[in-house]
Amino acid sequence: MIVDSTIAALGLGLAAVLGLMTAVWLASLVRRDAGIIDPFWGLGFVLLAWLHLAASPARTARAVLVAVLVSVWGLRLSIHLFLRSRGKAEDPRYRAMRERHPEAFPRTSLVTVFWLQAGILWFVALPLVQAIRAAIPVELGRLDLAGVAVWAVGLFFETVGDWQLSRFKADPRNQGKVCDRGLWRYTRHPNYFGDSLVWWGLTLIALATPRSLWTMASPAVMTFLLVKVSGVALLEKGLEGTKPEYRAYVRRTSSFFPLPPRKSGPT
């Protein structure tokens, strides 16, 4: 019975994010801008958290806590991405796809951009299902508190990193330069590192409930994507070619985990 209800909740969540991303895709066709998907990434998690809470048979303190934590993180991220993209042209990644296959782009973008991100979003959010729907333990414990602490550190790195980079880019004197100040002095991607920590923190809260080890797959995949696929690796492909200082920055600065800057590196 419990397994059946969980499967139903997972199906409902998948249908919800697919519906959300399909609606955003329709809007992107009108605006001719597939980049509008980015601000909806965080909102998709907020939608799932409250959907699972509304359908949960046991609304524990843990369930409410997780929904609130996800909302704080997701809304902050969505607002940041919206403000960052406001008034700008379509993201070069999507523009290149559109130019390569102009006639097929609408249906191609639906599958490879909007539905793909919906599927990834749904998978990454699996710990939310466990944490929100679990009926026991009723009270919060040490693992829950550890999860909140890790989440808070992650939110700090992501928020402060984004803020520091925005301020750096807003100064015309920094045109073409590399941001190596603040958190960016210790990691080339404090925002991605923070994003990863947020999901490890939420997963720790899920691990406070019985039969929850399976949820560790989600933050593991999220971290892999951030480091090797859609985050660090993708972004740095273009930076080395457009910013002369970036190679030196790479040699002295950790790519992901915050570490003291290296005094020198291989040439």
C-alpha atoms as a PDB file:
ATOM      1  CA  MET A   1       0.000   0.000   0.000  1.00  0.00           C
ATOM      2  CA  ILE A   2       2.799   2.405   0.959  1.00  0.00           C
ATOM      3  CA  VAL A   3       4.779   1.434  -2.142  1.00  0.00           C
ATOM      4  CA  ASP A   4       1.726   1.965  -4.351  1.00  0.00           C
ATOM      5  CA  SER A   5       1.067   5.415  -2.894  1.00  0.00           C
ATOM      6  CA  THR A   6       4.713   6.413  -3.352  1.00  0.00           C
ATOM      7  CA  ILE A   7       4.670   5.284  -6.977  1.00  0.00           C
ATOM      8  CA  ALA A   8       1.493   7.298  -7.481  1.00  0.00           C
ATOM      9  CA  ALA A   9       3.167  10.346  -5.923  1.00  0.00           C
ATOM     10  CA  LEU A  10       6.174   9.937  -8.220  1.00  0.00           C
ATOM     11  CA  GLY A  11       3.900   9.689 -11.231  1.00  0.00           C
ATOM     12  CA  LEU A  12       1.976  12.772 -10.170  1.00  0.00           C
ATOM     13  CA  GLY A  13       5.218  14.689  -9.714  1.00  0.00           C
ATOM     14  CA  LEU A  14       6.503  13.692 -13.143  1.00  0.00           C
ATOM     15  CA  ALA A  15       3.227  14.722 -14.752  1.00  0.00           C
ATOM     16  CA  ALA A  16       3.383  18.076 -12.954  1.00  0.00           C
ATOM     17  CA  VAL A  17       6.892  19.003 -14.091  1.00  0.00           C
ATOM     18  CA  LEU A  18       6.228  17.783 -17.635  1.00  0.00           C
ATOM     19  CA  GLY A  19       3.106  19.936 -17.684  1.00  0.00           C
ATOM     20  CA  LEU A  20       5.015  22.938 -16.346  1.00  0.00           C
ATOM     21  CA  MET A  21       7.813  22.606 -18.869  1.00  0.00           C
ATOM     22  CA  THR A  22       5.401  22.052 -21.738  1.00  0.00           C
ATOM     23  CA  ALA A  23       3.631  25.287 -20.832  1.00  0.00           C
ATOM     24  CA  VAL A  24       6.990  27.098 -20.683  1.00  0.00           C
ATOM     25  CA  TRP A  25       7.877  25.583 -24.076  1.00  0.00           C
ATOM     26  CA  LEU A  26       4.683  27.011 -25.584  1.00  0.00           C
ATOM     27  CA  ALA A  27       5.595  30.406 -24.178  1.00  0.00           C
ATOM     28  CA  SER A  28       9.093  30.064 -25.649  1.00  0.00           C
ATOM     29  CA  LEU A  29       7.610  29.553 -29.112  1.00  0.00           C
ATOM     30  CA  VAL A  30       5.696  32.802 -28.802  1.00  0.00           C
ATOM     31  CA  ARG A  31       8.729  34.694 -27.500  1.00  0.00           C
ATOM     32  CA  ARG A  32      11.203  32.859 -29.748  1.00  0.00           C
ATOM     33  CA  ASP A  33      13.427  32.420 -26.723  1.00  0.00           C
ATOM     34  CA  ALA A  34      14.092  28.951 -25.290  1.00  0.00           C
ATOM     35  CA  GLY A  35      16.170  30.565 -22.555  1.00  0.00           C
ATOM     36  CA  ILE A  36      13.045  31.395 -20.585  1.00  0.00           C
ATOM     37  CA  ILE A  37      13.269  27.853 -19.216  1.00  0.00           C
ATOM     38  CA  ASP A  38      16.119  28.816 -16.863  1.00  0.00           C
ATOM     39  CA  PRO A  39      14.098  30.776 -14.259  1.00  0.00           C
ATOM     40  CA  PHE A  40      11.596  27.911 -14.116  1.00  0.00           C
ATOM     41  CA  TRP A  41      14.209  25.379 -12.973  1.00  0.00           C
ATOM     42  CA  GLY A  42      13.988  26.455  -9.340  1.00  0.00           C
ATOM     43  CA  LEU A  43      10.230  26.969  -9.521  1.00  0.00           C
ATOM     44  CA  GLY A  44       9.825  23.365 -10.672  1.00  0.00           C
ATOM     45  CA  PHE A  45      11.292  22.125  -7.383  1.00  0.00           C
ATOM     46  CA  VAL A  46       9.057  24.457  -5.393  1.00  0.00           C
ATOM     47  CA  LEU A  47       6.046  23.086  -7.275  1.00  0.00           C
ATOM     48  CA  LEU A  48       7.052  19.493  -6.520  1.00  0.00           C
ATOM     49  CA  ALA A  49       7.738  20.162  -2.841  1.00  0.00           C
ATOM     50  CA  TRP A  50       4.322  21.662  -2.149  1.00  0.00           C
ATOM     51  CA  LEU A  51       2.545  19.167  -4.389  1.00  0.00           C
ATOM     52  CA  HIS A  52       4.052  16.288  -2.406  1.00  0.00           C
ATOM     53  CA  LEU A  53       3.264  18.044   0.865  1.00  0.00           C
ATOM     54  CA  ALA A  54      -0.366  18.534  -0.139  1.00  0.00           C
ATOM     55  CA  ALA A  55      -0.672  14.850  -1.066  1.00  0.00           C
ATOM     56  CA  SER A  56       1.341  13.505   1.876  1.00  0.00           C
ATOM     57  CA  PRO A  57      -0.479  11.164   4.250  1.00  0.00           C
ATOM     58  CA  ALA A  58       1.697  12.395   7.134  1.00  0.00           C
ATOM     59  CA  ARG A  59       2.500  16.096   7.285  1.00  0.00           C
ATOM     60  CA  THR A  60       5.315  15.956   9.807  1.00  0.00           C
ATOM     61  CA  ALA A  61       7.556  18.815  10.908  1.00  0.00           C
ATOM     62  CA  ARG A  62      10.168  17.330   8.580  1.00  0.00           C
ATOM     63  CA  ALA A  63       7.804  17.550   5.610  1.00  0.00           C
ATOM     64  CA  VAL A  64       7.033  21.218   6.246  1.00  0.00           C
ATOM     65  CA  LEU A  65      10.706  21.983   6.892  1.00  0.00           C
ATOM     66  CA  VAL A  66      11.758  20.465   3.561  1.00  0.00           C
ATOM     67  CA  ALA A  67       9.037  22.330   1.647  1.00  0.00           C
ATOM     68  CA  VAL A  68      10.172  25.624   3.195  1.00  0.00           C
ATOM     69  CA  LEU A  69      13.863  24.970   2.524  1.00  0.00           C
ATOM     70  CA  VAL A  70      13.179  24.079  -1.098  1.00  0.00           C
ATOM     71  CA  SER A  71      11.014  27.179  -1.517  1.00  0.00           C
ATOM     72  CA  VAL A  72      13.691  29.519  -0.123  1.00  0.00           C
ATOM     73  CA  TRP A  73      16.339  27.998  -2.407  1.00  0.00           C
ATOM     74  CA  GLY A  74      14.141  27.666  -5.493  1.00  0.00           C
ATOM     75  CA  LEU A  75      12.579  31.126  -5.362  1.00  0.00           C
ATOM     76  CA  ARG A  76      15.942  32.800  -4.797  1.00  0.00           C
ATOM     77  CA  LEU A  77      17.447  30.951  -7.744  1.00  0.00           C
ATOM     78  CA  SER A  78      14.531  31.688 -10.065  1.00  0.00           C
ATOM     79  CA  ILE A  79      14.492  35.391  -9.208  1.00  0.00           C
ATOM     80  CA  HIS A  80      18.247  35.586  -9.749  1.00  0.00           C
ATOM     81  CA  LEU A  81      18.072  33.857 -13.143  1.00  0.00           C
ATOM     82  CA  PHE A  82      15.131  36.005 -14.225  1.00  0.00           C
ATOM     83  CA  LEU A  83      16.891  39.250 -13.346  1.00  0.00           C
ATOM     84  CA  ARG A  84      20.114  38.053 -14.977  1.00  0.00           C
ATOM     85  CA  SER A  85      18.408  37.237 -18.280  1.00  0.00           C
ATOM     86  CA  ARG A  86      15.942  40.133 -18.404  1.00  0.00           C
ATOM     87  CA  GLY A  87      16.347  42.224 -21.528  1.00  0.00           C
ATOM     88  CA  LYS A  88      19.067  40.007 -22.990  1.00  0.00           C
ATOM     89  CA  ALA A  89      19.102  37.979 -26.209  1.00  0.00           C
ATOM     90  CA  GLU A  90      18.457  34.254 -26.272  1.00  0.00           C
ATOM     91  CA  ASP A  91      21.141  32.091 -24.653  1.00  0.00           C
ATOM     92  CA  PRO A  92      23.843  31.256 -27.260  1.00  0.00           C
ATOM     93  CA  ARG A  93      23.346  27.510 -26.677  1.00  0.00           C
ATOM     94  CA  TYR A  94      19.715  27.640 -27.743  1.00  0.00           C
ATOM     95  CA  ARG A  95      20.354  30.195 -30.476  1.00  0.00           C
ATOM     96  CA  ALA A  96      22.934  27.856 -32.040  1.00  0.00           C
ATOM     97  CA  MET A  97      20.418  24.999 -31.962  1.00  0.00           C
ATOM     98  CA  ARG A  98      17.803  27.219 -33.577  1.00  0.00           C
ATOM     99  CA  GLU A  99      20.174  28.311 -36.343  1.00  0.00           C
ATOM    100  CA  ARG A 100      21.305  24.758 -37.132  1.00  0.00           C
ATOM    101  CA  HIS A 101      17.782  23.350 -37.455  1.00  0.00           C
ATOM    102  CA  PRO A 102      15.310  26.251 -37.766  1.00  0.00           C
ATOM    103  CA  GLU A 103      12.345  24.181 -38.977  1.00  0.00           C
ATOM    104  CA  ALA A 104      12.814  21.311 -36.508  1.00  0.00           C
ATOM    105  CA  PHE A 105      13.744  23.507 -33.551  1.00  0.00           C
ATOM    106  CA  PRO A 106      10.259  23.738 -31.986  1.00  0.00           C
ATOM    107  CA  ARG A 107       9.801  19.966 -31.597  1.00  0.00           C
ATOM    108  CA  THR A 108      13.518  19.362 -30.985  1.00  0.00           C
ATOM    109  CA  SER A 109      13.633  21.912 -28.182  1.00  0.00           C
ATOM    110  CA  LEU A 110      10.525  20.390 -26.588  1.00  0.00           C
ATOM    111  CA  VAL A 111      12.247  17.022 -26.223  1.00  0.00           C
ATOM    112  CA  THR A 112      15.932  17.871 -25.785  1.00  0.00           C
ATOM    113  CA  VAL A 113      15.551  21.044 -23.712  1.00  0.00           C
ATOM    114  CA  PHE A 114      12.198  21.265 -21.934  1.00  0.00           C
ATOM    115  CA  TRP A 115      11.232  17.623 -21.382  1.00  0.00           C
ATOM    116  CA  LEU A 116      14.827  16.617 -20.711  1.00  0.00           C
ATOM    117  CA  GLN A 117      15.135  19.243 -17.986  1.00  0.00           C
ATOM    118  CA  ALA A 118      11.773  18.161 -16.603  1.00  0.00           C
ATOM    119  CA  GLY A 119      13.073  14.598 -16.302  1.00  0.00           C
ATOM    120  CA  ILE A 120      16.302  15.689 -14.631  1.00  0.00           C
ATOM    121  CA  LEU A 121      14.392  17.975 -12.278  1.00  0.00           C
ATOM    122  CA  TRP A 122      12.060  15.122 -11.304  1.00  0.00           C
ATOM    123  CA  PHE A 123      14.987  12.769 -10.646  1.00  0.00           C
ATOM    124  CA  VAL A 124      16.971  15.274  -8.594  1.00  0.00           C
ATOM    125  CA  ALA A 125      13.853  15.951  -6.491  1.00  0.00           C
ATOM    126  CA  LEU A 126      13.382  12.290  -5.459  1.00  0.00           C
ATOM    127  CA  PRO A 127      14.706  12.905  -1.908  1.00  0.00           C
ATOM    128  CA  LEU A 128      11.824  15.344  -1.423  1.00  0.00           C
ATOM    129  CA  VAL A 129       9.330  12.534  -1.916  1.00  0.00           C
ATOM    130  CA  GLN A 130      11.008  10.463   0.775  1.00  0.00           C
ATOM    131  CA  ALA A 131      11.464  13.289   3.262  1.00  0.00           C
ATOM    132  CA  ILE A 132       7.972  14.721   2.844  1.00  0.00           C
ATOM    133  CA  ARG A 133       5.962  11.498   2.723  1.00  0.00           C
ATOM    134  CA  ALA A 134       7.738   9.570   5.514  1.00  0.00           C
ATOM    135  CA  ALA A 135       5.566   9.226   8.617  1.00  0.00           C
ATOM    136  CA  ILE A 136       8.439   8.346  10.966  1.00  0.00           C
ATOM    137  CA  PRO A 137      10.343   9.474  12.841  1.00  0.00           C
ATOM    138  CA  VAL A 138       7.914  12.216  13.767  1.00  0.00           C
ATOM    139  CA  GLU A 139      10.438  14.383  15.583  1.00  0.00           C
ATOM    140  CA  LEU A 140      13.451  16.012  13.998  1.00  0.00           C
ATOM    141  CA  GLY A 141      16.807  14.488  14.901  1.00  0.00           C
ATOM    142  CA  ARG A 142      20.523  15.122  14.554  1.00  0.00           C
ATOM    143  CA  LEU A 143      20.626  14.018  10.917  1.00  0.00           C
ATOM    144  CA  ASP A 144      17.856  16.493  10.093  1.00  0.00           C
ATOM    145  CA  LEU A 145      19.799  19.292  11.767  1.00  0.00           C
ATOM    146  CA  ALA A 146      22.968  18.257   9.936  1.00  0.00           C
ATOM    147  CA  GLY A 147      21.020  18.398   6.691  1.00  0.00           C
ATOM    148  CA  VAL A 148      19.797  21.920   7.454  1.00  0.00           C
ATOM    149  CA  ALA A 149      23.365  22.986   8.248  1.00  0.00           C
ATOM    150  CA  VAL A 150      24.715  21.591   4.954  1.00  0.00           C
ATOM    151  CA  TRP A 151      21.797  23.195   3.089  1.00  0.00           C
ATOM    152  CA  ALA A 152      22.560  26.553   4.732  1.00  0.00           C
ATOM    153  CA  VAL A 153      26.249  26.405   3.766  1.00  0.00           C
ATOM    154  CA  GLY A 154      25.230  25.534   0.223  1.00  0.00           C
ATOM    155  CA  LEU A 155      22.743  28.404   0.053  1.00  0.00           C
ATOM    156  CA  PHE A 156      25.443  30.758   1.354  1.00  0.00           C
ATOM    157  CA  PHE A 157      27.938  29.742  -1.339  1.00  0.00           C
ATOM    158  CA  GLU A 158      25.330  29.910  -4.099  1.00  0.00           C
ATOM    159  CA  THR A 159      23.795  33.223  -3.049  1.00  0.00           C
ATOM    160  CA  VAL A 160      27.002  35.053  -2.159  1.00  0.00           C
ATOM    161  CA  GLY A 161      28.785  33.650  -5.223  1.00  0.00           C
ATOM    162  CA  ASP A 162      26.026  34.892  -7.542  1.00  0.00           C
ATOM    163  CA  TRP A 163      25.969  38.283  -5.814  1.00  0.00           C
ATOM    164  CA  GLN A 164      29.737  38.730  -6.006  1.00  0.00           C
ATOM    165  CA  LEU A 165      29.826  37.798  -9.699  1.00  0.00           C
ATOM    166  CA  SER A 166      26.917  40.147 -10.496  1.00  0.00           C
ATOM    167  CA  ARG A 167      28.704  43.055  -8.796  1.00  0.00           C
ATOM    168  CA  PHE A 168      31.940  42.213 -10.606  1.00  0.00           C
ATOM    169  CA  LYS A 169      30.256  42.158 -14.024  1.00  0.00           C
ATOM    170  CA  ALA A 170      28.365  45.387 -13.314  1.00  0.00           C
ATOM    171  CA  ASP A 171      31.658  47.313 -13.136  1.00  0.00           C
ATOM    172  CA  PRO A 172      32.703  48.359 -16.674  1.00  0.00           C
ATOM    173  CA  ARG A 173      36.357  48.268 -15.579  1.00  0.00           C
ATOM    174  CA  ASN A 174      36.093  44.485 -15.273  1.00  0.00           C
ATOM    175  CA  GLN A 175      35.122  43.938 -18.905  1.00  0.00           C
ATOM    176  CA  GLY A 176      37.001  40.877 -20.176  1.00  0.00           C
ATOM    177  CA  LYS A 177      38.519  40.159 -16.757  1.00  0.00           C
ATOM    178  CA  VAL A 178      38.133  37.117 -14.518  1.00  0.00           C
ATOM    179  CA  CYS A 179      36.326  37.378 -11.196  1.00  0.00           C
ATOM    180  CA  ASP A 180      38.790  36.028  -8.633  1.00  0.00           C
ATOM    181  CA  ARG A 181      37.516  37.865  -5.575  1.00  0.00           C
ATOM    182  CA  GLY A 182      35.593  36.711  -2.532  1.00  0.00           C
ATOM    183  CA  LEU A 183      34.444  33.112  -2.819  1.00  0.00           C
ATOM    184  CA  TRP A 184      35.697  33.041  -6.414  1.00  0.00           C
ATOM    185  CA  ARG A 185      39.242  33.163  -5.038  1.00  0.00           C
ATOM    186  CA  TYR A 186      38.810  29.685  -3.539  1.00  0.00           C
ATOM    187  CA  THR A 187      36.682  27.936  -6.163  1.00  0.00           C
ATOM    188  CA  ARG A 188      36.035  28.752  -9.800  1.00  0.00           C
ATOM    189  CA  HIS A 189      32.359  27.882  -9.309  1.00  0.00           C
ATOM    190  CA  PRO A 190      31.094  28.716  -5.793  1.00  0.00           C
ATOM    191  CA  ASN A 191      27.516  28.823  -7.083  1.00  0.00           C
ATOM    192  CA  TYR A 192      27.670  25.290  -8.500  1.00  0.00           C
ATOM    193  CA  PHE A 193      29.402  24.025  -5.363  1.00  0.00           C
ATOM    194  CA  GLY A 194      26.664  25.614  -3.269  1.00  0.00           C
ATOM    195  CA  ASP A 195      23.939  24.123  -5.465  1.00  0.00           C
ATOM    196  CA  SER A 196      25.417  20.672  -4.923  1.00  0.00           C
ATOM    197  CA  LEU A 197      25.570  21.181  -1.135  1.00  0.00           C
ATOM    198  CA  VAL A 198      21.932  22.277  -1.049  1.00  0.00           C
ATOM    199  CA  TRP A 199      20.852  18.934  -2.473  1.00  0.00           C
ATOM    200  CA  TRP A 200      23.182  16.902  -0.291  1.00  0.00           C
ATOM    201  CA  GLY A 201      21.684  18.725   2.692  1.00  0.00           C
ATOM    202  CA  LEU A 202      18.132  17.945   1.631  1.00  0.00           C
ATOM    203  CA  THR A 203      19.138  14.337   1.061  1.00  0.00           C
ATOM    204  CA  LEU A 204      20.576  14.112   4.586  1.00  0.00           C
ATOM    205  CA  ILE A 205      17.125  15.085   5.854  1.00  0.00           C
ATOM    206  CA  ALA A 206      15.600  12.338   3.700  1.00  0.00           C
ATOM    207  CA  LEU A 207      18.161   9.880   5.133  1.00  0.00           C
ATOM    208  CA  ALA A 208      16.760  10.576   8.600  1.00  0.00           C
ATOM    209  CA  THR A 209      13.764   8.454   7.575  1.00  0.00           C
ATOM    210  CA  PRO A 210      13.631   4.635   7.181  1.00  0.00           C
ATOM    211  CA  ARG A 211      14.558   2.851   3.914  1.00  0.00           C
ATOM    212  CA  SER A 212      15.964   5.979   2.311  1.00  0.00           C
ATOM    213  CA  LEU A 213      19.460   5.082   1.064  1.00  0.00           C
ATOM    214  CA  TRP A 214      18.168   5.071  -2.516  1.00  0.00           C
ATOM    215  CA  THR A 215      17.753   8.848  -2.358  1.00  0.00           C
ATOM    216  CA  MET A 216      21.550   9.332  -2.446  1.00  0.00           C
ATOM    217  CA  ALA A 217      21.495   8.670  -6.184  1.00  0.00           C
ATOM    218  CA  SER A 218      19.855  12.033  -6.824  1.00  0.00           C
ATOM    219  CA  PRO A 219      22.499  14.405  -5.347  1.00  0.00           C
ATOM    220  CA  ALA A 220      25.230  12.149  -6.748  1.00  0.00           C
ATOM    221  CA  VAL A 221      23.830  12.565 -10.268  1.00  0.00           C
ATOM    222  CA  MET A 222      23.245  16.287  -9.668  1.00  0.00           C
ATOM    223  CA  THR A 223      26.866  16.784  -8.599  1.00  0.00           C
ATOM    224  CA  PHE A 224      28.136  14.795 -11.593  1.00  0.00           C
ATOM    225  CA  LEU A 225      26.074  16.931 -13.974  1.00  0.00           C
ATOM    226  CA  LEU A 226      27.292  20.149 -12.373  1.00  0.00           C
ATOM    227  CA  VAL A 227      30.947  19.125 -12.580  1.00  0.00           C
ATOM    228  CA  LYS A 228      31.160  17.098 -15.789  1.00  0.00           C
ATOM    229  CA  VAL A 229      28.208  17.963 -18.041  1.00  0.00           C
ATOM    230  CA  SER A 230      26.040  21.072 -17.774  1.00  0.00           C
ATOM    231  CA  GLY A 231      27.923  23.169 -15.236  1.00  0.00           C
ATOM    232  CA  VAL A 232      31.679  23.486 -14.845  1.00  0.00           C
ATOM    233  CA  ALA A 233      32.714  21.593 -17.983  1.00  0.00           C
ATOM    234  CA  LEU A 234      30.271  23.370 -20.319  1.00  0.00           C
ATOM    235  CA  LEU A 235      30.912  26.862 -18.999  1.00  0.00           C
ATOM    236  CA  GLU A 236      34.693  26.604 -19.026  1.00  0.00           C
ATOM    237  CA  LYS A 237      34.834  25.538 -22.671  1.00  0.00           C
ATOM    238  CA  GLY A 238      34.050  29.084 -23.726  1.00  0.00           C
ATOM    239  CA  LEU A 239      35.782  31.031 -20.965  1.00  0.00           C
ATOM    240  CA  GLU A 240      39.342  29.990 -21.850  1.00  0.00           C
ATOM    241  CA  GLY A 241      38.838  31.305 -25.381  1.00  0.00           C
ATOM    242  CA  THR A 242      37.243  34.627 -24.442  1.00  0.00           C
ATOM    243  CA  LYS A 243      39.230  35.634 -21.331  1.00  0.00           C
ATOM    244  CA  PRO A 244      43.043  35.620 -21.608  1.00  0.00           C
ATOM    245  CA  GLU A 245      43.457  35.527 -17.806  1.00  0.00           C
ATOM    246  CA  TYR A 246      41.340  32.439 -17.366  1.00  0.00           C
ATOM    247  CA  ARG A 247      44.088  29.849 -17.882  1.00  0.00           C
ATOM    248  CA  ALA A 248      46.166  31.395 -15.109  1.00  0.00           C
ATOM    249  CA  TYR A 249      43.035  31.482 -12.937  1.00  0.00           C
ATOM    250  CA  VAL A 250      42.484  27.770 -13.603  1.00  0.00           C
ATOM    251  CA  ARG A 251      46.059  26.930 -12.577  1.00  0.00           C
ATOM    252  CA  ARG A 252      45.766  28.636  -9.193  1.00  0.00           C
ATOM    253  CA  THR A 253      42.093  28.039  -8.295  1.00  0.00           C
ATOM    254  CA  SER A 254      40.202  24.859  -7.412  1.00  0.00           C
ATOM    255  CA  SER A 255      37.543  23.995  -9.976  1.00  0.00           C
ATOM    256  CA  PHE A 256      34.785  22.967  -7.556  1.00  0.00           C
ATOM    257  CA  PHE A 257      35.633  22.362  -3.888  1.00  0.00           C
ATOM    258  CA  PRO A 258      36.839  25.532  -2.093  1.00  0.00           C
ATOM    259  CA  LEU A 259      40.585  25.368  -1.413  1.00  0.00           C
ATOM    260  CA  PRO A 260      43.320  27.937  -0.729  1.00  0.00           C
ATOM    261  CA  PRO A 261      44.674  29.354  -4.008  1.00  0.00           C
ATOM    262  CA  ARG A 262      47.793  27.673  -5.335  1.00  0.00           C
ATOM    263  CA  LYS A 263      50.833  29.937  -5.525  1.00  0.00           C
ATOM    264  CA  SER A 264      51.877  28.511  -8.871  1.00  0.00           C
ATOM    265  CA  GLY A 265      50.886  25.791 -11.280  1.00  0.00           C
ATOM    266  CA  PRO A 266      52.058  23.989 -14.361  1.00  0.00           C
ATOM    267  CA  THR A 267      52.239  26.029 -17.528  1.00  0.00           C
END
